[in-house]
Amino acid sequence: MTDNRTAATTGMIGPAEIARFVEDGFVFKRGLFDTEEVGYLARGIEADEAITNNIIALLDSEGGKTELALWNHPGEDVFGAVARCHRVVDGMEALLGGEVYHYHSKLTMKPPATGGAWNWHQDYGYWYQNGCLFPDMGSVMIAIDRATVENGCLQILAGSHKMGRLDHWQVGGQTTADPDRVEEALKSLDKVQCEMAPGDALFFHCNLLHHSAQNKSAEPRSMLLCCYNMARNDPFKEHHHPGYTPLHKLPDNAVKERGERLAGDRRVFMLGEDDQTISEIQGR
């Protein structure tokens, strides 16, 4: 589906985009990162042994595999520069309406032909369990590879963030939003295929319903997701993601300045057994 919600936009977040975010729960920023910057991210995935040694393979119900690397604090490398640069952080602060801090970042990589699917879910369906009282949270998804329908691009339901937090439980080995409510939402809300060129970014609300299909193509699909919580929404209990940690923003040119910088052993990754959210949902 292509409509005015996916029209190309560049530059800072303005009033029209804030209004669109309130109404639809998402905003595209086409070409937010240029070819050189995206190239640094792609090379970082391949060259940083700390990333390749800390990838978690997640299987869907049909055996498809998605590779995931996740860390809590942004760090000083090129991925940290993206998560801390003004164009990303200022954009999220404009959309959510105040100071944010870095909640976590993750790389999701769907290999060609075997890349797995993600069931319909809301990020707040997970993060609610972490002691975050309010859905004052959001993510920025940045395309490293071209995302297409064929290689399992993200699909979202426009306006579904207005449904509030849905119950989530385990279905087929994944944490999934209430299937009955998702089925009804699919009847009345527009489903948007988030096809993206490398460097495009999608800002989206933590209650926006989203999922992605398997990668049946011969092309990879890698994404960087930078997730944020509002400072005023500091979790009321300790969990595996951090509480409020002031975010030191970086100028936009820091992405290129740090383009060759790898995290190496300085990066602390989260492994599957560290994720307390899943066990809490399973135990409900």
C-alpha atoms as a PDB file:
ATOM      1  CA  MET A   1       0.000   0.000   0.000  1.00  0.00           C
ATOM      2  CA  THR A   2       1.306   3.463  -0.864  1.00  0.00           C
ATOM      3  CA  ASP A   3      -0.444   6.605   0.278  1.00  0.00           C
ATOM      4  CA  ASN A   4       0.296  10.054   1.654  1.00  0.00           C
ATOM      5  CA  ARG A   5       1.500   8.480   4.894  1.00  0.00           C
ATOM      6  CA  THR A   6       4.515   7.093   3.027  1.00  0.00           C
ATOM      7  CA  ALA A   7       5.355  10.225   1.050  1.00  0.00           C
ATOM      8  CA  ALA A   8       9.046  11.116   0.994  1.00  0.00           C
ATOM      9  CA  THR A   9      10.086  13.596   3.671  1.00  0.00           C
ATOM     10  CA  THR A  10      13.467  14.854   4.778  1.00  0.00           C
ATOM     11  CA  GLY A  11      14.777  17.206   7.441  1.00  0.00           C
ATOM     12  CA  MET A  12      13.561  17.771  10.965  1.00  0.00           C
ATOM     13  CA  ILE A  13      10.193  16.703  12.321  1.00  0.00           C
ATOM     14  CA  GLY A  14       7.646  19.461  11.799  1.00  0.00           C
ATOM     15  CA  PRO A  15       4.088  20.176  13.003  1.00  0.00           C
ATOM     16  CA  ALA A  16       2.490  18.244  10.138  1.00  0.00           C
ATOM     17  CA  GLU A  17       4.518  15.150  10.972  1.00  0.00           C
ATOM     18  CA  ILE A  18       3.714  15.444  14.653  1.00  0.00           C
ATOM     19  CA  ALA A  19       0.018  15.583  13.763  1.00  0.00           C
ATOM     20  CA  ARG A  20       0.445  12.544  11.505  1.00  0.00           C
ATOM     21  CA  PHE A  21       2.199  10.659  14.301  1.00  0.00           C
ATOM     22  CA  VAL A  22      -0.659  11.446  16.695  1.00  0.00           C
ATOM     23  CA  GLU A  23      -3.211  10.231  14.147  1.00  0.00           C
ATOM     24  CA  ASP A  24      -1.422   7.262  12.567  1.00  0.00           C
ATOM     25  CA  GLY A  25       1.209   6.279  15.143  1.00  0.00           C
ATOM     26  CA  PHE A  26       4.122   6.485  12.708  1.00  0.00           C
ATOM     27  CA  VAL A  27       6.093   8.812  10.436  1.00  0.00           C
ATOM     28  CA  PHE A  28       8.513   7.974   7.636  1.00  0.00           C
ATOM     29  CA  LYS A  29      11.698   9.999   7.139  1.00  0.00           C
ATOM     30  CA  ARG A  30      12.996   9.054   3.733  1.00  0.00           C
ATOM     31  CA  GLY A  31      16.746   9.351   3.191  1.00  0.00           C
ATOM     32  CA  LEU A  32      17.477  10.229   6.806  1.00  0.00           C
ATOM     33  CA  PHE A  33      20.902   8.587   6.391  1.00  0.00           C
ATOM     34  CA  ASP A  34      22.945   8.732   3.207  1.00  0.00           C
ATOM     35  CA  THR A  35      24.691   5.966   1.293  1.00  0.00           C
ATOM     36  CA  GLU A  36      28.033   6.468   3.031  1.00  0.00           C
ATOM     37  CA  GLU A  37      26.463   6.305   6.482  1.00  0.00           C
ATOM     38  CA  VAL A  38      24.477   3.185   5.661  1.00  0.00           C
ATOM     39  CA  GLY A  39      27.641   1.617   4.275  1.00  0.00           C
ATOM     40  CA  TYR A  40      29.350   2.059   7.639  1.00  0.00           C
ATOM     41  CA  LEU A  41      26.450   0.285   9.365  1.00  0.00           C
ATOM     42  CA  ALA A  42      26.514  -2.593   6.883  1.00  0.00           C
ATOM     43  CA  ARG A  43      30.275  -3.006   7.287  1.00  0.00           C
ATOM     44  CA  GLY A  44      29.889  -2.847  11.055  1.00  0.00           C
ATOM     45  CA  ILE A  45      27.603  -5.890  11.007  1.00  0.00           C
ATOM     46  CA  GLU A  46      30.151  -7.844   9.003  1.00  0.00           C
ATOM     47  CA  ALA A  47      33.382  -6.607  10.625  1.00  0.00           C
ATOM     48  CA  ASP A  48      32.552  -6.269  14.314  1.00  0.00           C
ATOM     49  CA  GLU A  49      33.251  -9.640  15.899  1.00  0.00           C
ATOM     50  CA  ALA A  50      31.419  -8.523  19.031  1.00  0.00           C
ATOM     51  CA  ILE A  51      28.232  -8.398  16.972  1.00  0.00           C
ATOM     52  CA  THR A  52      28.773 -11.637  15.078  1.00  0.00           C
ATOM     53  CA  ASN A  53      29.657 -13.456  18.306  1.00  0.00           C
ATOM     54  CA  ASN A  54      26.529 -12.252  20.114  1.00  0.00           C
ATOM     55  CA  ILE A  55      23.786 -12.911  17.569  1.00  0.00           C
ATOM     56  CA  ILE A  56      20.699 -14.732  18.801  1.00  0.00           C
ATOM     57  CA  ALA A  57      18.858 -16.881  16.262  1.00  0.00           C
ATOM     58  CA  LEU A  58      15.087 -16.724  16.753  1.00  0.00           C
ATOM     59  CA  LEU A  59      12.876 -19.240  14.962  1.00  0.00           C
ATOM     60  CA  ASP A  60       9.290 -18.696  13.876  1.00  0.00           C
ATOM     61  CA  SER A  61       6.604 -21.404  13.892  1.00  0.00           C
ATOM     62  CA  GLU A  62       7.644 -22.605  10.423  1.00  0.00           C
ATOM     63  CA  GLY A  63      11.378 -22.780  11.137  1.00  0.00           C
ATOM     64  CA  GLY A  64      12.313 -19.443   9.585  1.00  0.00           C
ATOM     65  CA  LYS A  65      15.262 -17.746  11.290  1.00  0.00           C
ATOM     66  CA  THR A  66      15.733 -14.122  12.298  1.00  0.00           C
ATOM     67  CA  GLU A  67      19.104 -13.072  13.702  1.00  0.00           C
ATOM     68  CA  LEU A  68      19.055 -10.548  16.537  1.00  0.00           C
ATOM     69  CA  ALA A  69      21.768  -8.609  18.367  1.00  0.00           C
ATOM     70  CA  LEU A  70      20.613  -6.363  21.232  1.00  0.00           C
ATOM     71  CA  TRP A  71      22.341  -3.961  23.618  1.00  0.00           C
ATOM     72  CA  ASN A  72      21.135  -1.498  26.254  1.00  0.00           C
ATOM     73  CA  HIS A  73      23.528   1.467  26.123  1.00  0.00           C
ATOM     74  CA  PRO A  74      24.298   3.224  22.844  1.00  0.00           C
ATOM     75  CA  GLY A  75      28.094   3.259  23.117  1.00  0.00           C
ATOM     76  CA  GLU A  76      30.722   5.216  21.199  1.00  0.00           C
ATOM     77  CA  ASP A  77      30.827   3.347  17.894  1.00  0.00           C
ATOM     78  CA  VAL A  78      28.967   4.066  14.648  1.00  0.00           C
ATOM     79  CA  PHE A  79      25.768   2.397  15.897  1.00  0.00           C
ATOM     80  CA  GLY A  80      25.904   4.524  19.047  1.00  0.00           C
ATOM     81  CA  ALA A  81      26.413   7.629  16.923  1.00  0.00           C
ATOM     82  CA  VAL A  82      23.213   6.848  15.032  1.00  0.00           C
ATOM     83  CA  ALA A  83      21.261   6.280  18.265  1.00  0.00           C
ATOM     84  CA  ARG A  84      22.573   9.532  19.772  1.00  0.00           C
ATOM     85  CA  CYS A  85      22.571  11.870  16.765  1.00  0.00           C
ATOM     86  CA  HIS A  86      20.295  14.897  16.722  1.00  0.00           C
ATOM     87  CA  ARG A  87      18.270  13.876  13.685  1.00  0.00           C
ATOM     88  CA  VAL A  88      17.120  10.708  15.483  1.00  0.00           C
ATOM     89  CA  VAL A  89      16.867  11.828  19.105  1.00  0.00           C
ATOM     90  CA  ASP A  90      15.423  15.272  18.401  1.00  0.00           C
ATOM     91  CA  GLY A  91      12.896  13.671  16.079  1.00  0.00           C
ATOM     92  CA  MET A  92      11.740  11.222  18.733  1.00  0.00           C
ATOM     93  CA  GLU A  93      11.576  13.966  21.354  1.00  0.00           C
ATOM     94  CA  ALA A  94       9.447  16.106  19.024  1.00  0.00           C
ATOM     95  CA  LEU A  95       7.037  13.221  18.402  1.00  0.00           C
ATOM     96  CA  LEU A  96       6.733  12.073  22.023  1.00  0.00           C
ATOM     97  CA  GLY A  97       6.781  15.581  23.487  1.00  0.00           C
ATOM     98  CA  GLY A  98       9.794  15.746  25.788  1.00  0.00           C
ATOM     99  CA  GLU A  99      13.153  14.390  26.856  1.00  0.00           C
ATOM    100  CA  VAL A 100      13.919  10.757  25.976  1.00  0.00           C
ATOM    101  CA  TYR A 101      16.695   8.374  26.885  1.00  0.00           C
ATOM    102  CA  HIS A 102      18.073   5.352  25.073  1.00  0.00           C
ATOM    103  CA  TYR A 103      16.131   2.242  26.135  1.00  0.00           C
ATOM    104  CA  HIS A 104      17.992  -0.203  23.893  1.00  0.00           C
ATOM    105  CA  SER A 105      19.105  -0.796  20.305  1.00  0.00           C
ATOM    106  CA  LYS A 106      18.973  -3.932  18.230  1.00  0.00           C
ATOM    107  CA  LEU A 107      19.928  -5.285  14.853  1.00  0.00           C
ATOM    108  CA  THR A 108      17.423  -7.596  13.191  1.00  0.00           C
ATOM    109  CA  MET A 109      18.717  -9.575  10.223  1.00  0.00           C
ATOM    110  CA  LYS A 110      16.635 -11.838   7.986  1.00  0.00           C
ATOM    111  CA  PRO A 111      18.884 -14.063   5.870  1.00  0.00           C
ATOM    112  CA  PRO A 112      17.928 -14.680   2.239  1.00  0.00           C
ATOM    113  CA  ALA A 113      15.348 -17.432   1.665  1.00  0.00           C
ATOM    114  CA  THR A 114      15.257 -18.510   5.339  1.00  0.00           C
ATOM    115  CA  GLY A 115      14.507 -15.262   7.205  1.00  0.00           C
ATOM    116  CA  GLY A 116      11.807 -15.683   9.825  1.00  0.00           C
ATOM    117  CA  ALA A 117       8.495 -13.934  10.452  1.00  0.00           C
ATOM    118  CA  TRP A 118       7.404 -11.857  13.454  1.00  0.00           C
ATOM    119  CA  ASN A 119       3.839 -12.219  14.739  1.00  0.00           C
ATOM    120  CA  TRP A 120       1.622  -9.173  15.239  1.00  0.00           C
ATOM    121  CA  HIS A 121       2.599  -7.394  18.448  1.00  0.00           C
ATOM    122  CA  GLN A 122       3.076  -4.052  20.153  1.00  0.00           C
ATOM    123  CA  ASP A 123       6.427  -3.143  21.669  1.00  0.00           C
ATOM    124  CA  TYR A 124       4.620  -1.889  24.778  1.00  0.00           C
ATOM    125  CA  GLY A 125       3.143  -5.348  25.088  1.00  0.00           C
ATOM    126  CA  TYR A 126       6.663  -6.325  26.110  1.00  0.00           C
ATOM    127  CA  TRP A 127       7.827  -3.123  27.781  1.00  0.00           C
ATOM    128  CA  TYR A 128       4.771  -2.813  30.030  1.00  0.00           C
ATOM    129  CA  GLN A 129       6.171  -5.797  31.929  1.00  0.00           C
ATOM    130  CA  ASN A 130       9.392  -3.871  32.557  1.00  0.00           C
ATOM    131  CA  GLY A 131       7.792  -1.353  34.922  1.00  0.00           C
ATOM    132  CA  CYS A 132       7.076   1.426  32.395  1.00  0.00           C
ATOM    133  CA  LEU A 133       3.798   2.941  33.593  1.00  0.00           C
ATOM    134  CA  PHE A 134       2.932   4.870  30.444  1.00  0.00           C
ATOM    135  CA  PRO A 135       3.237   4.144  26.707  1.00  0.00           C
ATOM    136  CA  ASP A 136       5.482   7.195  26.314  1.00  0.00           C
ATOM    137  CA  MET A 137       7.951   5.224  24.249  1.00  0.00           C
ATOM    138  CA  GLY A 138       8.882   4.735  20.632  1.00  0.00           C
ATOM    139  CA  SER A 139      11.360   3.326  18.153  1.00  0.00           C
ATOM    140  CA  VAL A 140      13.248   4.432  15.067  1.00  0.00           C
ATOM    141  CA  MET A 141      13.785   1.697  12.490  1.00  0.00           C
ATOM    142  CA  ILE A 142      16.568   2.406   9.989  1.00  0.00           C
ATOM    143  CA  ALA A 143      16.903   0.348   6.823  1.00  0.00           C
ATOM    144  CA  ILE A 144      20.408  -0.984   6.180  1.00  0.00           C
ATOM    145  CA  ASP A 145      19.294  -3.187   3.297  1.00  0.00           C
ATOM    146  CA  ARG A 146      16.398  -2.446   0.983  1.00  0.00           C
ATOM    147  CA  ALA A 147      13.179  -3.661   2.614  1.00  0.00           C
ATOM    148  CA  THR A 148      10.537  -5.047   0.270  1.00  0.00           C
ATOM    149  CA  VAL A 149       7.404  -7.132   0.496  1.00  0.00           C
ATOM    150  CA  GLU A 150       9.404 -10.040  -0.919  1.00  0.00           C
ATOM    151  CA  ASN A 151      12.100  -9.965   1.784  1.00  0.00           C
ATOM    152  CA  GLY A 152       9.754  -9.472   4.732  1.00  0.00           C
ATOM    153  CA  CYS A 153       9.444  -5.725   5.256  1.00  0.00           C
ATOM    154  CA  LEU A 154       7.633  -4.434   8.320  1.00  0.00           C
ATOM    155  CA  GLN A 155       3.835  -4.240   8.129  1.00  0.00           C
ATOM    156  CA  ILE A 156       1.918  -1.855  10.379  1.00  0.00           C
ATOM    157  CA  LEU A 157      -1.711  -1.015  11.119  1.00  0.00           C
ATOM    158  CA  ALA A 158      -2.197   2.733  10.837  1.00  0.00           C
ATOM    159  CA  GLY A 159      -3.888   4.176  13.920  1.00  0.00           C
ATOM    160  CA  SER A 160      -3.699   0.941  15.917  1.00  0.00           C
ATOM    161  CA  HIS A 161      -1.797   2.715  18.705  1.00  0.00           C
ATOM    162  CA  LYS A 162      -5.147   4.231  19.689  1.00  0.00           C
ATOM    163  CA  MET A 163      -6.385   0.780  20.718  1.00  0.00           C
ATOM    164  CA  GLY A 164      -4.185   0.972  23.806  1.00  0.00           C
ATOM    165  CA  ARG A 165      -2.087  -1.887  25.091  1.00  0.00           C
ATOM    166  CA  LEU A 166      -3.408  -5.303  24.099  1.00  0.00           C
ATOM    167  CA  ASP A 167      -2.880  -8.488  26.068  1.00  0.00           C
ATOM    168  CA  HIS A 168       0.091 -10.494  24.801  1.00  0.00           C
ATOM    169  CA  TRP A 169       0.834 -14.183  25.210  1.00  0.00           C
ATOM    170  CA  GLN A 170       2.844 -16.980  23.673  1.00  0.00           C
ATOM    171  CA  VAL A 171       1.613 -18.267  20.299  1.00  0.00           C
ATOM    172  CA  GLY A 172       3.798 -20.618  18.295  1.00  0.00           C
ATOM    173  CA  GLY A 173       6.893 -19.764  20.303  1.00  0.00           C
ATOM    174  CA  GLN A 174       6.520 -15.989  19.898  1.00  0.00           C
ATOM    175  CA  THR A 175       4.953 -13.320  22.057  1.00  0.00           C
ATOM    176  CA  THR A 176       1.850 -12.191  20.189  1.00  0.00           C
ATOM    177  CA  ALA A 177      -0.879  -9.587  20.610  1.00  0.00           C
ATOM    178  CA  ASP A 178      -4.395 -10.893  21.307  1.00  0.00           C
ATOM    179  CA  PRO A 179      -5.186 -12.635  17.966  1.00  0.00           C
ATOM    180  CA  ASP A 180      -8.926 -11.915  18.154  1.00  0.00           C
ATOM    181  CA  ARG A 181      -8.389  -8.169  18.514  1.00  0.00           C
ATOM    182  CA  VAL A 182      -5.723  -8.174  15.819  1.00  0.00           C
ATOM    183  CA  GLU A 183      -8.140  -9.943  13.468  1.00  0.00           C
ATOM    184  CA  GLU A 184     -10.799  -7.282  14.088  1.00  0.00           C
ATOM    185  CA  ALA A 185      -8.269  -4.460  13.705  1.00  0.00           C
ATOM    186  CA  LEU A 186      -7.218  -5.858  10.319  1.00  0.00           C
ATOM    187  CA  LYS A 187     -10.814  -5.445   9.122  1.00  0.00           C
ATOM    188  CA  SER A 188     -11.011  -1.727   9.840  1.00  0.00           C
ATOM    189  CA  LEU A 189      -7.484  -0.273   9.813  1.00  0.00           C
ATOM    190  CA  ASP A 190      -5.171   0.288   6.867  1.00  0.00           C
ATOM    191  CA  LYS A 191      -2.272  -2.139   6.649  1.00  0.00           C
ATOM    192  CA  VAL A 192       0.849  -0.382   5.385  1.00  0.00           C
ATOM    193  CA  GLN A 193       3.733  -2.298   3.824  1.00  0.00           C
ATOM    194  CA  CYS A 194       6.833  -0.442   4.983  1.00  0.00           C
ATOM    195  CA  GLU A 195       9.004  -0.782   1.913  1.00  0.00           C
ATOM    196  CA  MET A 196      12.163   1.213   2.563  1.00  0.00           C
ATOM    197  CA  ALA A 197      15.356   2.105   0.754  1.00  0.00           C
ATOM    198  CA  PRO A 198      18.670   1.932   2.637  1.00  0.00           C
ATOM    199  CA  GLY A 199      18.878   5.015   4.862  1.00  0.00           C
ATOM    200  CA  ASP A 200      15.117   5.467   5.212  1.00  0.00           C
ATOM    201  CA  ALA A 201      13.799   5.647   8.768  1.00  0.00           C
ATOM    202  CA  LEU A 202      10.451   4.892  10.365  1.00  0.00           C
ATOM    203  CA  PHE A 203       9.524   6.539  13.677  1.00  0.00           C
ATOM    204  CA  PHE A 204       6.716   4.613  15.383  1.00  0.00           C
ATOM    205  CA  HIS A 205       4.758   4.575  18.636  1.00  0.00           C
ATOM    206  CA  CYS A 206       5.215   1.708  21.093  1.00  0.00           C
ATOM    207  CA  ASN A 207       1.519   0.723  20.862  1.00  0.00           C
ATOM    208  CA  LEU A 208       1.487   0.520  17.064  1.00  0.00           C
ATOM    209  CA  LEU A 209       0.651  -3.023  15.930  1.00  0.00           C
ATOM    210  CA  HIS A 210       3.281  -4.408  13.577  1.00  0.00           C
ATOM    211  CA  HIS A 211       4.608  -7.656  12.179  1.00  0.00           C
ATOM    212  CA  SER A 212       6.718  -8.919   9.296  1.00  0.00           C
ATOM    213  CA  ALA A 213       6.567 -11.924   7.007  1.00  0.00           C
ATOM    214  CA  GLN A 214       9.321 -14.400   6.176  1.00  0.00           C
ATOM    215  CA  ASN A 215      12.088 -13.464   3.774  1.00  0.00           C
ATOM    216  CA  LYS A 216      11.406 -15.638   0.739  1.00  0.00           C
ATOM    217  CA  SER A 217      13.714 -13.655  -1.537  1.00  0.00           C
ATOM    218  CA  ALA A 218      17.383 -13.962  -2.467  1.00  0.00           C
ATOM    219  CA  GLU A 219      18.170 -10.648  -0.758  1.00  0.00           C
ATOM    220  CA  PRO A 220      18.995 -10.037   2.935  1.00  0.00           C
ATOM    221  CA  ARG A 221      16.951  -7.679   5.106  1.00  0.00           C
ATOM    222  CA  SER A 222      18.858  -5.958   7.921  1.00  0.00           C
ATOM    223  CA  MET A 223      17.473  -3.215  10.135  1.00  0.00           C
ATOM    224  CA  LEU A 224      18.769  -1.138  13.040  1.00  0.00           C
ATOM    225  CA  LEU A 225      16.146  -0.246  15.642  1.00  0.00           C
ATOM    226  CA  CYS A 226      16.857   2.422  18.252  1.00  0.00           C
ATOM    227  CA  CYS A 227      14.291   2.399  21.062  1.00  0.00           C
ATOM    228  CA  TYR A 228      13.579   5.238  23.478  1.00  0.00           C
ATOM    229  CA  ASN A 229      11.686   5.878  26.702  1.00  0.00           C
ATOM    230  CA  MET A 230      10.692   9.285  27.998  1.00  0.00           C
ATOM    231  CA  ALA A 231      12.670  10.552  30.970  1.00  0.00           C
ATOM    232  CA  ARG A 232       9.456  11.140  32.901  1.00  0.00           C
ATOM    233  CA  ASN A 233       8.493   7.472  32.353  1.00  0.00           C
ATOM    234  CA  ASP A 234      11.388   6.051  34.371  1.00  0.00           C
ATOM    235  CA  PRO A 235      10.495   2.411  35.209  1.00  0.00           C
ATOM    236  CA  PHE A 236       9.307   1.842  38.766  1.00  0.00           C
ATOM    237  CA  LYS A 237      11.328  -1.385  39.096  1.00  0.00           C
ATOM    238  CA  GLU A 238      14.697  -2.634  37.988  1.00  0.00           C
ATOM    239  CA  HIS A 239      14.633  -4.729  34.862  1.00  0.00           C
ATOM    240  CA  HIS A 240      16.908  -5.933  32.079  1.00  0.00           C
ATOM    241  CA  HIS A 241      16.588  -2.640  30.171  1.00  0.00           C
ATOM    242  CA  PRO A 242      17.956   0.519  31.794  1.00  0.00           C
ATOM    243  CA  GLY A 243      16.187   3.112  33.850  1.00  0.00           C
ATOM    244  CA  TYR A 244      16.548   6.796  33.065  1.00  0.00           C
ATOM    245  CA  THR A 245      20.093   7.472  31.883  1.00  0.00           C
ATOM    246  CA  PRO A 246      20.721  11.012  30.545  1.00  0.00           C
ATOM    247  CA  LEU A 247      21.461  10.804  26.832  1.00  0.00           C
ATOM    248  CA  HIS A 248      24.446  12.738  25.527  1.00  0.00           C
ATOM    249  CA  LYS A 249      23.389  13.749  22.038  1.00  0.00           C
ATOM    250  CA  LEU A 250      25.904  13.914  19.202  1.00  0.00           C
ATOM    251  CA  PRO A 251      25.996  16.152  16.132  1.00  0.00           C
ATOM    252  CA  ASP A 252      24.771  14.515  12.963  1.00  0.00           C
ATOM    253  CA  ASN A 253      28.268  14.436  11.440  1.00  0.00           C
ATOM    254  CA  ALA A 254      29.378  12.068  14.240  1.00  0.00           C
ATOM    255  CA  VAL A 255      27.942   9.164  12.226  1.00  0.00           C
ATOM    256  CA  LYS A 256      30.586   9.635   9.524  1.00  0.00           C
ATOM    257  CA  GLU A 257      33.298  10.612  11.982  1.00  0.00           C
ATOM    258  CA  ARG A 258      32.758   7.327  13.817  1.00  0.00           C
ATOM    259  CA  GLY A 259      31.982   5.314  10.727  1.00  0.00           C
ATOM    260  CA  GLU A 260      35.011   3.035  11.066  1.00  0.00           C
ATOM    261  CA  ARG A 261      34.749   2.719  14.835  1.00  0.00           C
ATOM    262  CA  LEU A 262      33.630  -0.696  16.049  1.00  0.00           C
ATOM    263  CA  ALA A 263      32.373  -1.473  19.528  1.00  0.00           C
ATOM    264  CA  GLY A 264      34.371  -4.649  19.982  1.00  0.00           C
ATOM    265  CA  ASP A 265      34.577  -5.918  23.540  1.00  0.00           C
ATOM    266  CA  ARG A 266      33.335  -2.591  24.877  1.00  0.00           C
ATOM    267  CA  ARG A 267      29.794  -3.417  23.784  1.00  0.00           C
ATOM    268  CA  VAL A 268      27.690  -5.306  26.342  1.00  0.00           C
ATOM    269  CA  PHE A 269      25.093  -7.412  24.537  1.00  0.00           C
ATOM    270  CA  MET A 270      21.915  -8.923  25.928  1.00  0.00           C
ATOM    271  CA  LEU A 271      21.499 -12.636  25.374  1.00  0.00           C
ATOM    272  CA  GLY A 272      18.217 -14.536  25.191  1.00  0.00           C
ATOM    273  CA  GLU A 273      18.420 -15.769  28.770  1.00  0.00           C
ATOM    274  CA  ASP A 274      18.770 -12.161  29.998  1.00  0.00           C
ATOM    275  CA  ASP A 275      15.297 -11.225  28.737  1.00  0.00           C
ATOM    276  CA  GLN A 276      12.954 -11.348  31.717  1.00  0.00           C
ATOM    277  CA  THR A 277       9.951 -10.078  29.755  1.00  0.00           C
ATOM    278  CA  ILE A 278       9.313 -13.344  27.934  1.00  0.00           C
ATOM    279  CA  SER A 279       9.310 -15.432  31.103  1.00  0.00           C
ATOM    280  CA  GLU A 280       6.950 -12.994  32.799  1.00  0.00           C
ATOM    281  CA  ILE A 281       4.494 -13.136  29.892  1.00  0.00           C
ATOM    282  CA  GLN A 282       4.725 -16.929  29.819  1.00  0.00           C
ATOM    283  CA  GLY A 283       3.983 -17.080  33.538  1.00  0.00           C
ATOM    284  CA  ARG A 284       0.803 -15.010  33.373  1.00  0.00           C
END
